[in-house]
Amino acid sequence: MSVNAESIIDWLGEEVVDPEGHRVGRLEDVYVDTSSDEPVFAVVKLGLLTSQRHAFVPLRGATVAPRHVRVAYSAALVRKAPALEPGGVLPVEAEVDVYNHYGLEYTPAETPGGRRLARR
């Protein structure tokens, strides 16, 4: 099943895996595009108990299955993604870095039809 706004929140705390089935981390949060209210990025908790960080991964192409969410990006790429401190919020000026990391087009919120990410 593909990911949609109504269902992705139900998957918080579940495992996130890459296309090959390698563990990426746990789904901790969801960011939506404020112009459409569609989920566009997941925040995934990476690492061990002593050294955790939270990284962004696009939900485009993601699917859900029993007990995990499969994203369309490799675990290695996600581990290098822009990160948040636990409980942190992505600053507006850092949105472009998240999009650029994955080679996605970014339209600033100041332009008509622009995007701005918000935590769900």
PDB file of N, CA and C in Angstrom:
ATOM      1  N   MET A   1       0.853  -1.178   0.000  1.00  0.00           N
ATOM      2  CA  MET A   1       0.000   0.000   0.000  1.00  0.00           C
ATOM      3  C   MET A   1       0.893   1.233   0.000  1.00  0.00           C
ATOM      4  N   SER A   2       0.571   2.212  -0.824  1.00  0.00           N
ATOM      5  CA  SER A   2       1.369   3.435  -0.835  1.00  0.00           C
ATOM      6  C   SER A   2       1.003   4.304   0.363  1.00  0.00           C
ATOM      7  N   VAL A   3       1.868   5.246   0.663  1.00  0.00           N
ATOM      8  CA  VAL A   3       1.706   6.107   1.831  1.00  0.00           C
ATOM      9  C   VAL A   3       0.770   7.262   1.510  1.00  0.00           C
ATOM     10  N   ASN A   4      -0.150   7.562   2.432  1.00  0.00           N
ATOM     11  CA  ASN A   4      -0.994   8.742   2.281  1.00  0.00           C
ATOM     12  C   ASN A   4      -1.081   9.464   3.615  1.00  0.00           C
ATOM     13  N   ALA A   5      -1.625  10.662   3.587  1.00  0.00           N
ATOM     14  CA  ALA A   5      -1.653  11.524   4.772  1.00  0.00           C
ATOM     15  C   ALA A   5      -2.415  10.901   5.923  1.00  0.00           C
ATOM     16  N   GLU A   6      -3.476  10.182   5.636  1.00  0.00           N
ATOM     17  CA  GLU A   6      -4.285   9.612   6.704  1.00  0.00           C
ATOM     18  C   GLU A   6      -3.587   8.449   7.391  1.00  0.00           C
ATOM     19  N   SER A   7      -2.807   7.674   6.649  1.00  0.00           N
ATOM     20  CA  SER A   7      -2.243   6.453   7.220  1.00  0.00           C
ATOM     21  C   SER A   7      -0.834   6.589   7.786  1.00  0.00           C
ATOM     22  N   ILE A   8      -0.044   7.509   7.308  1.00  0.00           N
ATOM     23  CA  ILE A   8       1.372   7.530   7.713  1.00  0.00           C
ATOM     24  C   ILE A   8       1.540   7.790   9.207  1.00  0.00           C
ATOM     25  N   ILE A   9       0.703   8.574   9.804  1.00  0.00           N
ATOM     26  CA  ILE A   9       0.810   8.841  11.242  1.00  0.00           C
ATOM     27  C   ILE A   9       0.635   7.554  12.034  1.00  0.00           C
ATOM     28  N   ASP A  10      -0.167   6.632  11.520  1.00  0.00           N
ATOM     29  CA  ASP A  10      -0.372   5.345  12.192  1.00  0.00           C
ATOM     30  C   ASP A  10       0.896   4.504  12.242  1.00  0.00           C
ATOM     31  N   TRP A  11       1.874   4.842  11.459  1.00  0.00           N
ATOM     32  CA  TRP A  11       3.097   4.052  11.367  1.00  0.00           C
ATOM     33  C   TRP A  11       4.235   4.606  12.220  1.00  0.00           C
ATOM     34  N   LEU A  12       3.999   5.673  12.959  1.00  0.00           N
ATOM     35  CA  LEU A  12       5.044   6.217  13.842  1.00  0.00           C
ATOM     36  C   LEU A  12       5.545   5.127  14.779  1.00  0.00           C
ATOM     37  N   GLY A  13       6.859   5.044  14.925  1.00  0.00           N
ATOM     38  CA  GLY A  13       7.485   4.033  15.785  1.00  0.00           C
ATOM     39  C   GLY A  13       7.848   2.746  15.070  1.00  0.00           C
ATOM     40  N   GLU A  14       7.373   2.576  13.839  1.00  0.00           N
ATOM     41  CA  GLU A  14       7.678   1.356  13.088  1.00  0.00           C
ATOM     42  C   GLU A  14       9.042   1.462  12.403  1.00  0.00           C
ATOM     43  N   GLU A  15       9.566   0.316  12.017  1.00  0.00           N
ATOM     44  CA  GLU A  15      10.840   0.250  11.304  1.00  0.00           C
ATOM     45  C   GLU A  15      10.709   0.909   9.932  1.00  0.00           C
ATOM     46  N   VAL A  16      11.789   1.511   9.483  1.00  0.00           N
ATOM     47  CA  VAL A  16      11.899   2.031   8.125  1.00  0.00           C
ATOM     48  C   VAL A  16      13.012   1.238   7.460  1.00  0.00           C
ATOM     49  N   VAL A  17      12.736   0.716   6.268  1.00  0.00           N
ATOM     50  CA  VAL A  17      13.727  -0.058   5.521  1.00  0.00           C
ATOM     51  C   VAL A  17      13.917   0.566   4.150  1.00  0.00           C
ATOM     52  N   ASP A  18      15.067   0.262   3.539  1.00  0.00           N
ATOM     53  CA  ASP A  18      15.347   0.786   2.207  1.00  0.00           C
ATOM     54  C   ASP A  18      14.832  -0.196   1.146  1.00  0.00           C
ATOM     55  N   PRO A  19      15.027   0.101  -0.147  1.00  0.00           N
ATOM     56  CA  PRO A  19      14.496  -0.783  -1.198  1.00  0.00           C
ATOM     57  C   PRO A  19      15.024  -2.216  -1.126  1.00  0.00           C
ATOM     58  N   GLU A  20      16.216  -2.386  -0.573  1.00  0.00           N
ATOM     59  CA  GLU A  20      16.811  -3.720  -0.453  1.00  0.00           C
ATOM     60  C   GLU A  20      16.409  -4.427   0.836  1.00  0.00           C
ATOM     61  N   GLY A  21      15.627  -3.751   1.678  1.00  0.00           N
ATOM     62  CA  GLY A  21      15.203  -4.343   2.946  1.00  0.00           C
ATOM     63  C   GLY A  21      16.148  -4.078   4.105  1.00  0.00           C
ATOM     64  N   HIS A  22      17.205  -3.260   3.883  1.00  0.00           N
ATOM     65  CA  HIS A  22      18.134  -2.921   4.962  1.00  0.00           C
ATOM     66  C   HIS A  22      17.482  -1.933   5.920  1.00  0.00           C
ATOM     67  N   ARG A  23      17.705  -2.154   7.199  1.00  0.00           N
ATOM     68  CA  ARG A  23      17.128  -1.286   8.211  1.00  0.00           C
ATOM     69  C   ARG A  23      17.730   0.114   8.110  1.00  0.00           C
ATOM     70  N   VAL A  24      16.857   1.122   8.111  1.00  0.00           N
ATOM     71  CA  VAL A  24      17.282   2.518   8.121  1.00  0.00           C
ATOM     72  C   VAL A  24      17.161   3.063   9.540  1.00  0.00           C
ATOM     73  N   GLY A  25      16.035   2.824  10.192  1.00  0.00           N
ATOM     74  CA  GLY A  25      15.794   3.319  11.542  1.00  0.00           C
ATOM     75  C   GLY A  25      14.327   3.196  11.881  1.00  0.00           C
ATOM     76  N   ARG A  26      13.855   4.053  12.792  1.00  0.00           N
ATOM     77  CA  ARG A  26      12.442   4.050  13.204  1.00  0.00           C
ATOM     78  C   ARG A  26      11.771   5.356  12.775  1.00  0.00           C
ATOM     79  N   LEU A  27      10.535   5.246  12.309  1.00  0.00           N
ATOM     80  CA  LEU A  27       9.768   6.419  11.904  1.00  0.00           C
ATOM     81  C   LEU A  27       9.384   7.217  13.147  1.00  0.00           C
ATOM     82  N   GLU A  28       9.874   8.453  13.218  1.00  0.00           N
ATOM     83  CA  GLU A  28       9.652   9.294  14.389  1.00  0.00           C
ATOM     84  C   GLU A  28       8.695  10.447  14.149  1.00  0.00           C
ATOM     85  N   ASP A  29       8.642  10.947  12.922  1.00  0.00           N
ATOM     86  CA  ASP A  29       7.821  12.123  12.658  1.00  0.00           C
ATOM     87  C   ASP A  29       7.553  12.213  11.167  1.00  0.00           C
ATOM     88  N   VAL A  30       6.624  13.087  10.796  1.00  0.00           N
ATOM     89  CA  VAL A  30       6.269  13.303   9.401  1.00  0.00           C
ATOM     90  C   VAL A  30       6.193  14.802   9.153  1.00  0.00           C
ATOM     91  N   TYR A  31       6.757  15.233   8.044  1.00  0.00           N
ATOM     92  CA  TYR A  31       6.651  16.618   7.602  1.00  0.00           C
ATOM     93  C   TYR A  31       5.778  16.651   6.360  1.00  0.00           C
ATOM     94  N   VAL A  32       4.862  17.616   6.310  1.00  0.00           N
ATOM     95  CA  VAL A  32       3.947  17.756   5.178  1.00  0.00           C
ATOM     96  C   VAL A  32       4.268  19.018   4.399  1.00  0.00           C
ATOM     97  N   ASP A  33       3.826  19.026   3.149  1.00  0.00           N
ATOM     98  CA  ASP A  33       3.874  20.221   2.311  1.00  0.00           C
ATOM     99  C   ASP A  33       2.666  21.057   2.723  1.00  0.00           C
ATOM    100  N   THR A  34       2.897  22.241   3.227  1.00  0.00           N
ATOM    101  CA  THR A  34       1.795  23.039   3.761  1.00  0.00           C
ATOM    102  C   THR A  34       0.805  23.489   2.688  1.00  0.00           C
ATOM    103  N   SER A  35       1.201  23.496   1.428  1.00  0.00           N
ATOM    104  CA  SER A  35       0.261  23.909   0.388  1.00  0.00           C
ATOM    105  C   SER A  35      -0.731  22.802   0.036  1.00  0.00           C
ATOM    106  N   SER A  36      -0.363  21.549   0.303  1.00  0.00           N
ATOM    107  CA  SER A  36      -1.251  20.436  -0.058  1.00  0.00           C
ATOM    108  C   SER A  36      -1.625  19.560   1.129  1.00  0.00           C
ATOM    109  N   ASP A  37      -0.937  19.729   2.242  1.00  0.00           N
ATOM    110  CA  ASP A  37      -1.102  18.893   3.430  1.00  0.00           C
ATOM    111  C   ASP A  37      -0.754  17.433   3.167  1.00  0.00           C
ATOM    112  N   GLU A  38       0.028  17.185   2.130  1.00  0.00           N
ATOM    113  CA  GLU A  38       0.475  15.828   1.808  1.00  0.00           C
ATOM    114  C   GLU A  38       1.790  15.541   2.524  1.00  0.00           C
ATOM    115  N   PRO A  39       1.962  14.330   3.030  1.00  0.00           N
ATOM    116  CA  PRO A  39       3.236  13.981   3.663  1.00  0.00           C
ATOM    117  C   PRO A  39       4.335  13.901   2.611  1.00  0.00           C
ATOM    118  N   VAL A  40       5.455  14.597   2.850  1.00  0.00           N
ATOM    119  CA  VAL A  40       6.543  14.597   1.870  1.00  0.00           C
ATOM    120  C   VAL A  40       7.855  14.046   2.433  1.00  0.00           C
ATOM    121  N   PHE A  41       8.072  14.182   3.729  1.00  0.00           N
ATOM    122  CA  PHE A  41       9.283  13.647   4.339  1.00  0.00           C
ATOM    123  C   PHE A  41       8.953  12.944   5.646  1.00  0.00           C
ATOM    124  N   ALA A  42       9.674  11.863   5.875  1.00  0.00           N
ATOM    125  CA  ALA A  42       9.640  11.194   7.170  1.00  0.00           C
ATOM    126  C   ALA A  42      10.897  11.602   7.922  1.00  0.00           C
ATOM    127  N   VAL A  43      10.799  11.664   9.219  1.00  0.00           N
ATOM    128  CA  VAL A  43      11.965  11.846  10.078  1.00  0.00           C
ATOM    129  C   VAL A  43      12.217  10.483  10.708  1.00  0.00           C
ATOM    130  N   VAL A  44      13.430   9.985  10.510  1.00  0.00           N
ATOM    131  CA  VAL A  44      13.790   8.644  10.954  1.00  0.00           C
ATOM    132  C   VAL A  44      14.852   8.730  12.038  1.00  0.00           C
ATOM    133  N   LYS A  45      14.630   8.003  13.129  1.00  0.00           N
ATOM    134  CA  LYS A  45      15.627   7.939  14.204  1.00  0.00           C
ATOM    135  C   LYS A  45      16.695   6.931  13.792  1.00  0.00           C
ATOM    136  N   LEU A  46      17.932   7.415  13.716  1.00  0.00           N
ATOM    137  CA  LEU A  46      19.071   6.587  13.327  1.00  0.00           C
ATOM    138  C   LEU A  46      19.968   6.343  14.525  1.00  0.00           C
ATOM    139  N   GLY A  47      20.738   5.279  14.478  1.00  0.00           N
ATOM    140  CA  GLY A  47      21.788   5.063  15.467  1.00  0.00           C
ATOM    141  C   GLY A  47      21.359   4.252  16.667  1.00  0.00           C
ATOM    142  N   LEU A  48      22.312   4.174  17.591  1.00  0.00           N
ATOM    143  CA  LEU A  48      22.125   3.418  18.817  1.00  0.00           C
ATOM    144  C   LEU A  48      21.661   4.333  19.933  1.00  0.00           C
ATOM    145  N   LEU A  49      21.358   3.762  21.066  1.00  0.00           N
ATOM    146  CA  LEU A  49      20.879   4.555  22.195  1.00  0.00           C
ATOM    147  C   LEU A  49      21.842   5.659  22.608  1.00  0.00           C
ATOM    148  N   THR A  50      23.146   5.418  22.489  1.00  0.00           N
ATOM    149  CA  THR A  50      24.130   6.401  22.944  1.00  0.00           C
ATOM    150  C   THR A  50      24.447   7.474  21.913  1.00  0.00           C
ATOM    151  N   SER A  51      24.141   7.208  20.649  1.00  0.00           N
ATOM    152  CA  SER A  51      24.441   8.212  19.613  1.00  0.00           C
ATOM    153  C   SER A  51      23.321   8.226  18.579  1.00  0.00           C
ATOM    154  N   GLN A  52      22.224   8.876  18.924  1.00  0.00           N
ATOM    155  CA  GLN A  52      21.091   8.943  18.021  1.00  0.00           C
ATOM    156  C   GLN A  52      21.013  10.299  17.330  1.00  0.00           C
ATOM    157  N   ARG A  53      20.473  10.266  16.139  1.00  0.00           N
ATOM    158  CA  ARG A  53      20.150  11.489  15.423  1.00  0.00           C
ATOM    159  C   ARG A  53      18.934  11.204  14.568  1.00  0.00           C
ATOM    160  N   HIS A  54      18.306  12.245  14.092  1.00  0.00           N
ATOM    161  CA  HIS A  54      17.098  12.119  13.296  1.00  0.00           C
ATOM    162  C   HIS A  54      17.362  12.696  11.910  1.00  0.00           C
ATOM    163  N   ALA A  55      17.118  11.901  10.871  1.00  0.00           N
ATOM    164  CA  ALA A  55      17.372  12.318   9.501  1.00  0.00           C
ATOM    165  C   ALA A  55      16.086  12.299   8.683  1.00  0.00           C
ATOM    166  N   PHE A  56      16.064  13.103   7.637  1.00  0.00           N
ATOM    167  CA  PHE A  56      14.925  13.192   6.741  1.00  0.00           C
ATOM    168  C   PHE A  56      15.066  12.200   5.598  1.00  0.00           C
ATOM    169  N   VAL A  57      13.941  11.636   5.165  1.00  0.00           N
ATOM    170  CA  VAL A  57      13.900  10.800   3.970  1.00  0.00           C
ATOM    171  C   VAL A  57      12.570  11.081   3.257  1.00  0.00           C
ATOM    172  N   PRO A  58      12.617  11.256   1.934  1.00  0.00           N
ATOM    173  CA  PRO A  58      11.381  11.513   1.201  1.00  0.00           C
ATOM    174  C   PRO A  58      10.412  10.337   1.295  1.00  0.00           C
ATOM    175  N   LEU A  59       9.125  10.660   1.315  1.00  0.00           N
ATOM    176  CA  LEU A  59       8.093   9.628   1.319  1.00  0.00           C
ATOM    177  C   LEU A  59       7.614   9.300  -0.092  1.00  0.00           C
ATOM    178  N   ARG A  60       8.092  10.034  -1.079  1.00  0.00           N
ATOM    179  CA  ARG A  60       7.745   9.730  -2.477  1.00  0.00           C
ATOM    180  C   ARG A  60       8.205   8.304  -2.784  1.00  0.00           C
ATOM    181  N   GLY A  61       7.297   7.481  -3.231  1.00  0.00           N
ATOM    182  CA  GLY A  61       7.628   6.103  -3.566  1.00  0.00           C
ATOM    183  C   GLY A  61       7.638   5.159  -2.374  1.00  0.00           C
ATOM    184  N   ALA A  62       7.313   5.651  -1.189  1.00  0.00           N
ATOM    185  CA  ALA A  62       7.303   4.803   0.006  1.00  0.00           C
ATOM    186  C   ALA A  62       6.046   3.930   0.027  1.00  0.00           C
ATOM    187  N   THR A  63       6.189   2.764   0.619  1.00  0.00           N
ATOM    188  CA  THR A  63       5.065   1.852   0.802  1.00  0.00           C
ATOM    189  C   THR A  63       5.073   1.345   2.231  1.00  0.00           C
ATOM    190  N   VAL A  64       3.916   0.892   2.683  1.00  0.00           N
ATOM    191  CA  VAL A  64       3.830   0.320   4.019  1.00  0.00           C
ATOM    192  C   VAL A  64       3.487  -1.156   3.908  1.00  0.00           C
ATOM    193  N   ALA A  65       3.977  -1.919   4.869  1.00  0.00           N
ATOM    194  CA  ALA A  65       3.727  -3.352   4.952  1.00  0.00           C
ATOM    195  C   ALA A  65       3.636  -3.688   6.437  1.00  0.00           C
ATOM    196  N   PRO A  66       3.253  -4.886   6.764  1.00  0.00           N
ATOM    197  CA  PRO A  66       3.192  -5.211   8.190  1.00  0.00           C
ATOM    198  C   PRO A  66       4.514  -4.905   8.904  1.00  0.00           C
ATOM    199  N   ARG A  67       4.457  -4.029   9.864  1.00  0.00           N
ATOM    200  CA  ARG A  67       5.545  -3.676  10.771  1.00  0.00           C
ATOM    201  C   ARG A  67       6.716  -2.904  10.161  1.00  0.00           C
ATOM    202  N   HIS A  68       6.562  -2.358   8.953  1.00  0.00           N
ATOM    203  CA  HIS A  68       7.622  -1.482   8.436  1.00  0.00           C
ATOM    204  C   HIS A  68       7.120  -0.576   7.317  1.00  0.00           C
ATOM    205  N   VAL A  69       7.903   0.486   7.094  1.00  0.00           N
ATOM    206  CA  VAL A  69       7.690   1.403   5.974  1.00  0.00           C
ATOM    207  C   VAL A  69       8.913   1.264   5.078  1.00  0.00           C
ATOM    208  N   ARG A  70       8.696   1.008   3.800  1.00  0.00           N
ATOM    209  CA  ARG A  70       9.799   0.865   2.844  1.00  0.00           C
ATOM    210  C   ARG A  70       9.913   2.169   2.063  1.00  0.00           C
ATOM    211  N   VAL A  71      11.082   2.810   2.140  1.00  0.00           N
ATOM    212  CA  VAL A  71      11.321   4.047   1.398  1.00  0.00           C
ATOM    213  C   VAL A  71      12.081   3.738   0.120  1.00  0.00           C
ATOM    214  N   ALA A  72      12.113   4.671  -0.790  1.00  0.00           N
ATOM    215  CA  ALA A  72      12.724   4.470  -2.105  1.00  0.00           C
ATOM    216  C   ALA A  72      14.201   4.872  -2.149  1.00  0.00           C
ATOM    217  N   TYR A  73      14.800   5.134  -0.997  1.00  0.00           N
ATOM    218  CA  TYR A  73      16.190   5.615  -0.937  1.00  0.00           C
ATOM    219  C   TYR A  73      17.022   4.681  -0.078  1.00  0.00           C
ATOM    220  N   SER A  74      18.306   4.546  -0.426  1.00  0.00           N
ATOM    221  CA  SER A  74      19.182   3.622   0.294  1.00  0.00           C
ATOM    222  C   SER A  74      19.453   4.088   1.724  1.00  0.00           C
ATOM    223  N   ALA A  75      19.698   3.116   2.583  1.00  0.00           N
ATOM    224  CA  ALA A  75      20.034   3.419   3.980  1.00  0.00           C
ATOM    225  C   ALA A  75      21.280   4.298   4.046  1.00  0.00           C
ATOM    226  N   ALA A  76      22.251   4.050   3.179  1.00  0.00           N
ATOM    227  CA  ALA A  76      23.483   4.850   3.178  1.00  0.00           C
ATOM    228  C   ALA A  76      23.195   6.314   2.861  1.00  0.00           C
ATOM    229  N   LEU A  77      22.323   6.577   1.894  1.00  0.00           N
ATOM    230  CA  LEU A  77      21.982   7.955   1.541  1.00  0.00           C
ATOM    231  C   LEU A  77      21.220   8.632   2.679  1.00  0.00           C
ATOM    232  N   VAL A  78      20.307   7.919   3.306  1.00  0.00           N
ATOM    233  CA  VAL A  78      19.538   8.487   4.412  1.00  0.00           C
ATOM    234  C   VAL A  78      20.468   8.847   5.570  1.00  0.00           C
ATOM    235  N   ARG A  79      21.439   8.006   5.855  1.00  0.00           N
ATOM    236  CA  ARG A  79      22.366   8.268   6.974  1.00  0.00           C
ATOM    237  C   ARG A  79      23.182   9.537   6.772  1.00  0.00           C
ATOM    238  N   LYS A  80      23.342   9.966   5.519  1.00  0.00           N
ATOM    239  CA  LYS A  80      24.099  11.186   5.217  1.00  0.00           C
ATOM    240  C   LYS A  80      23.199  12.410   5.076  1.00  0.00           C
ATOM    241  N   ALA A  81      21.909  12.229   5.277  1.00  0.00           N
ATOM    242  CA  ALA A  81      20.928  13.313   5.072  1.00  0.00           C
ATOM    243  C   ALA A  81      21.015  14.362   6.173  1.00  0.00           C
ATOM    244  N   PRO A  82      20.513  15.568   5.889  1.00  0.00           N
ATOM    245  CA  PRO A  82      20.425  16.590   6.938  1.00  0.00           C
ATOM    246  C   PRO A  82      19.668  16.030   8.146  1.00  0.00           C
ATOM    247  N   ALA A  83      20.132  16.406   9.329  1.00  0.00           N
ATOM    248  CA  ALA A  83      19.599  15.819  10.558  1.00  0.00           C
ATOM    249  C   ALA A  83      19.034  16.873  11.495  1.00  0.00           C
ATOM    250  N   LEU A  84      18.263  16.389  12.443  1.00  0.00           N
ATOM    251  CA  LEU A  84      17.690  17.202  13.511  1.00  0.00           C
ATOM    252  C   LEU A  84      18.164  16.655  14.841  1.00  0.00           C
ATOM    253  N   GLU A  85      18.200  17.519  15.819  1.00  0.00           N
ATOM    254  CA  GLU A  85      18.374  17.051  17.189  1.00  0.00           C
ATOM    255  C   GLU A  85      17.060  16.396  17.600  1.00  0.00           C
ATOM    256  N   PRO A  86      17.095  15.377  18.459  1.00  0.00           N
ATOM    257  CA  PRO A  86      15.833  14.792  18.915  1.00  0.00           C
ATOM    258  C   PRO A  86      14.900  15.881  19.450  1.00  0.00           C
ATOM    259  N   GLY A  87      13.670  15.873  18.966  1.00  0.00           N
ATOM    260  CA  GLY A  87      12.688  16.870  19.377  1.00  0.00           C
ATOM    261  C   GLY A  87      12.813  18.205  18.662  1.00  0.00           C
ATOM    262  N   GLY A  88      13.798  18.333  17.769  1.00  0.00           N
ATOM    263  CA  GLY A  88      14.020  19.598  17.057  1.00  0.00           C
ATOM    264  C   GLY A  88      13.041  19.788  15.911  1.00  0.00           C
ATOM    265  N   VAL A  89      13.031  20.988  15.369  1.00  0.00           N
ATOM    266  CA  VAL A  89      12.184  21.338  14.238  1.00  0.00           C
ATOM    267  C   VAL A  89      13.080  21.869  13.122  1.00  0.00           C
ATOM    268  N   LEU A  90      12.784  21.486  11.896  1.00  0.00           N
ATOM    269  CA  LEU A  90      13.573  21.930  10.746  1.00  0.00           C
ATOM    270  C   LEU A  90      13.374  23.416  10.511  1.00  0.00           C
ATOM    271  N   PRO A  91      14.439  24.222  10.565  1.00  0.00           N
ATOM    272  CA  PRO A  91      14.302  25.649  10.261  1.00  0.00           C
ATOM    273  C   PRO A  91      13.949  25.836   8.777  1.00  0.00           C
ATOM    274  N   VAL A  92      13.158  26.843   8.484  1.00  0.00           N
ATOM    275  CA  VAL A  92      12.734  27.107   7.108  1.00  0.00           C
ATOM    276  C   VAL A  92      13.945  27.231   6.189  1.00  0.00           C
ATOM    277  N   GLU A  93      14.992  27.900   6.646  1.00  0.00           N
ATOM    278  CA  GLU A  93      16.165  28.111   5.786  1.00  0.00           C
ATOM    279  C   GLU A  93      16.932  26.819   5.500  1.00  0.00           C
ATOM    280  N   ALA A  94      16.661  25.734   6.216  1.00  0.00           N
ATOM    281  CA  ALA A  94      17.335  24.454   5.986  1.00  0.00           C
ATOM    282  C   ALA A  94      16.534  23.525   5.075  1.00  0.00           C
ATOM    283  N   GLU A  95      15.315  23.921   4.710  1.00  0.00           N
ATOM    284  CA  GLU A  95      14.499  23.073   3.841  1.00  0.00           C
ATOM    285  C   GLU A  95      15.205  22.742   2.531  1.00  0.00           C
ATOM    286  N   VAL A  96      15.832  23.728   1.923  1.00  0.00           N
ATOM    287  CA  VAL A  96      16.488  23.518   0.640  1.00  0.00           C
ATOM    288  C   VAL A  96      17.574  22.436   0.742  1.00  0.00           C
ATOM    289  N   ASP A  97      18.272  22.352   1.867  1.00  0.00           N
ATOM    290  CA  ASP A  97      19.317  21.337   2.048  1.00  0.00           C
ATOM    291  C   ASP A  97      18.738  19.930   2.024  1.00  0.00           C
ATOM    292  N   VAL A  98      17.569  19.767   2.615  1.00  0.00           N
ATOM    293  CA  VAL A  98      16.919  18.453   2.634  1.00  0.00           C
ATOM    294  C   VAL A  98      16.556  18.039   1.205  1.00  0.00           C
ATOM    295  N   TYR A  99      15.937  18.930   0.461  1.00  0.00           N
ATOM    296  CA  TYR A  99      15.567  18.631  -0.917  1.00  0.00           C
ATOM    297  C   TYR A  99      16.803  18.359  -1.772  1.00  0.00           C
ATOM    298  N   ASN A 100      17.817  19.205  -1.652  1.00  0.00           N
ATOM    299  CA  ASN A 100      19.030  19.043  -2.456  1.00  0.00           C
ATOM    300  C   ASN A 100      19.739  17.722  -2.184  1.00  0.00           C
ATOM    301  N   HIS A 101      19.739  17.283  -0.941  1.00  0.00           N
ATOM    302  CA  HIS A 101      20.414  16.025  -0.598  1.00  0.00           C
ATOM    303  C   HIS A 101      19.873  14.866  -1.430  1.00  0.00           C
ATOM    304  N   TYR A 102      18.592  14.882  -1.704  1.00  0.00           N
ATOM    305  CA  TYR A 102      17.968  13.801  -2.463  1.00  0.00           C
ATOM    306  C   TYR A 102      17.760  14.142  -3.942  1.00  0.00           C
ATOM    307  N   GLY A 103      18.295  15.284  -4.395  1.00  0.00           N
ATOM    308  CA  GLY A 103      18.177  15.669  -5.789  1.00  0.00           C
ATOM    309  C   GLY A 103      16.759  16.053  -6.184  1.00  0.00           C
ATOM    310  N   LEU A 104      15.994  16.545  -5.224  1.00  0.00           N
ATOM    311  CA  LEU A 104      14.614  16.951  -5.476  1.00  0.00           C
ATOM    312  C   LEU A 104      14.546  18.453  -5.701  1.00  0.00           C
ATOM    313  N   GLU A 105      13.612  18.862  -6.547  1.00  0.00           N
ATOM    314  CA  GLU A 105      13.430  20.289  -6.809  1.00  0.00           C
ATOM    315  C   GLU A 105      12.786  20.954  -5.603  1.00  0.00           C
ATOM    316  N   TYR A 106      13.296  22.126  -5.257  1.00  0.00           N
ATOM    317  CA  TYR A 106      12.770  22.883  -4.126  1.00  0.00           C
ATOM    318  C   TYR A 106      12.279  24.230  -4.604  1.00  0.00           C
ATOM    319  N   THR A 107      11.074  24.593  -4.241  1.00  0.00           N
ATOM    320  CA  THR A 107      10.515  25.906  -4.533  1.00  0.00           C
ATOM    321  C   THR A 107      10.322  26.624  -3.209  1.00  0.00           C
ATOM    322  N   PRO A 108      10.996  27.740  -2.981  1.00  0.00           N
ATOM    323  CA  PRO A 108      10.842  28.454  -1.708  1.00  0.00           C
ATOM    324  C   PRO A 108       9.402  28.849  -1.442  1.00  0.00           C
ATOM    325  N   ALA A 109       9.038  28.914  -0.200  1.00  0.00           N
ATOM    326  CA  ALA A 109       7.674  29.236   0.206  1.00  0.00           C
ATOM    327  C   ALA A 109       7.263  30.651  -0.183  1.00  0.00           C
ATOM    328  N   GLU A 110       8.210  31.547  -0.411  1.00  0.00           N
ATOM    329  CA  GLU A 110       7.890  32.937  -0.741  1.00  0.00           C
ATOM    330  C   GLU A 110       7.329  33.088  -2.152  1.00  0.00           C
ATOM    331  N   THR A 111       7.450  32.055  -2.975  1.00  0.00           N
ATOM    332  CA  THR A 111       6.953  32.141  -4.342  1.00  0.00           C
ATOM    333  C   THR A 111       5.566  31.506  -4.433  1.00  0.00           C
ATOM    334  N   PRO A 112       4.745  31.948  -5.381  1.00  0.00           N
ATOM    335  CA  PRO A 112       3.425  31.326  -5.546  1.00  0.00           C
ATOM    336  C   PRO A 112       3.575  29.822  -5.781  1.00  0.00           C
ATOM    337  N   GLY A 113       2.816  29.036  -5.058  1.00  0.00           N
ATOM    338  CA  GLY A 113       2.898  27.583  -5.195  1.00  0.00           C
ATOM    339  C   GLY A 113       4.108  26.987  -4.522  1.00  0.00           C
ATOM    340  N   GLY A 114       4.856  27.811  -3.783  1.00  0.00           N
ATOM    341  CA  GLY A 114       6.057  27.323  -3.133  1.00  0.00           C
ATOM    342  C   GLY A 114       5.761  26.349  -2.014  1.00  0.00           C
ATOM    343  N   ARG A 115       6.791  25.719  -1.549  1.00  0.00           N
ATOM    344  CA  ARG A 115       6.623  24.745  -0.478  1.00  0.00           C
ATOM    345  C   ARG A 115       7.190  25.262   0.818  1.00  0.00           C
ATOM    346  N   ARG A 116       6.625  24.785   1.833  1.00  0.00           N
ATOM    347  CA  ARG A 116       7.169  24.979   3.176  1.00  0.00           C
ATOM    348  C   ARG A 116       6.823  23.711   3.932  1.00  0.00           C
ATOM    349  N   LEU A 117       7.796  23.136   4.576  1.00  0.00           N
ATOM    350  CA  LEU A 117       7.564  21.902   5.316  1.00  0.00           C
ATOM    351  C   LEU A 117       7.090  22.210   6.728  1.00  0.00           C
ATOM    352  N   ALA A 118       6.158  21.435   7.193  1.00  0.00           N
ATOM    353  CA  ALA A 118       5.651  21.579   8.565  1.00  0.00           C
ATOM    354  C   ALA A 118       5.516  20.200   9.183  1.00  0.00           C
ATOM    355  N   ARG A 119       5.787  20.145  10.470  1.00  0.00           N
ATOM    356  CA  ARG A 119       5.657  18.888  11.192  1.00  0.00           C
ATOM    357  C   ARG A 119       4.184  18.544  11.356  1.00  0.00           C
ATOM    358  N   ARG A 120       3.857  17.308  11.141  1.00  0.00           N
ATOM    359  CA  ARG A 120       2.461  16.878  11.268  1.00  0.00           C
ATOM    360  C   ARG A 120       2.134  16.593  12.711  1.00  0.00           C
TER     361      ARG A 120
END
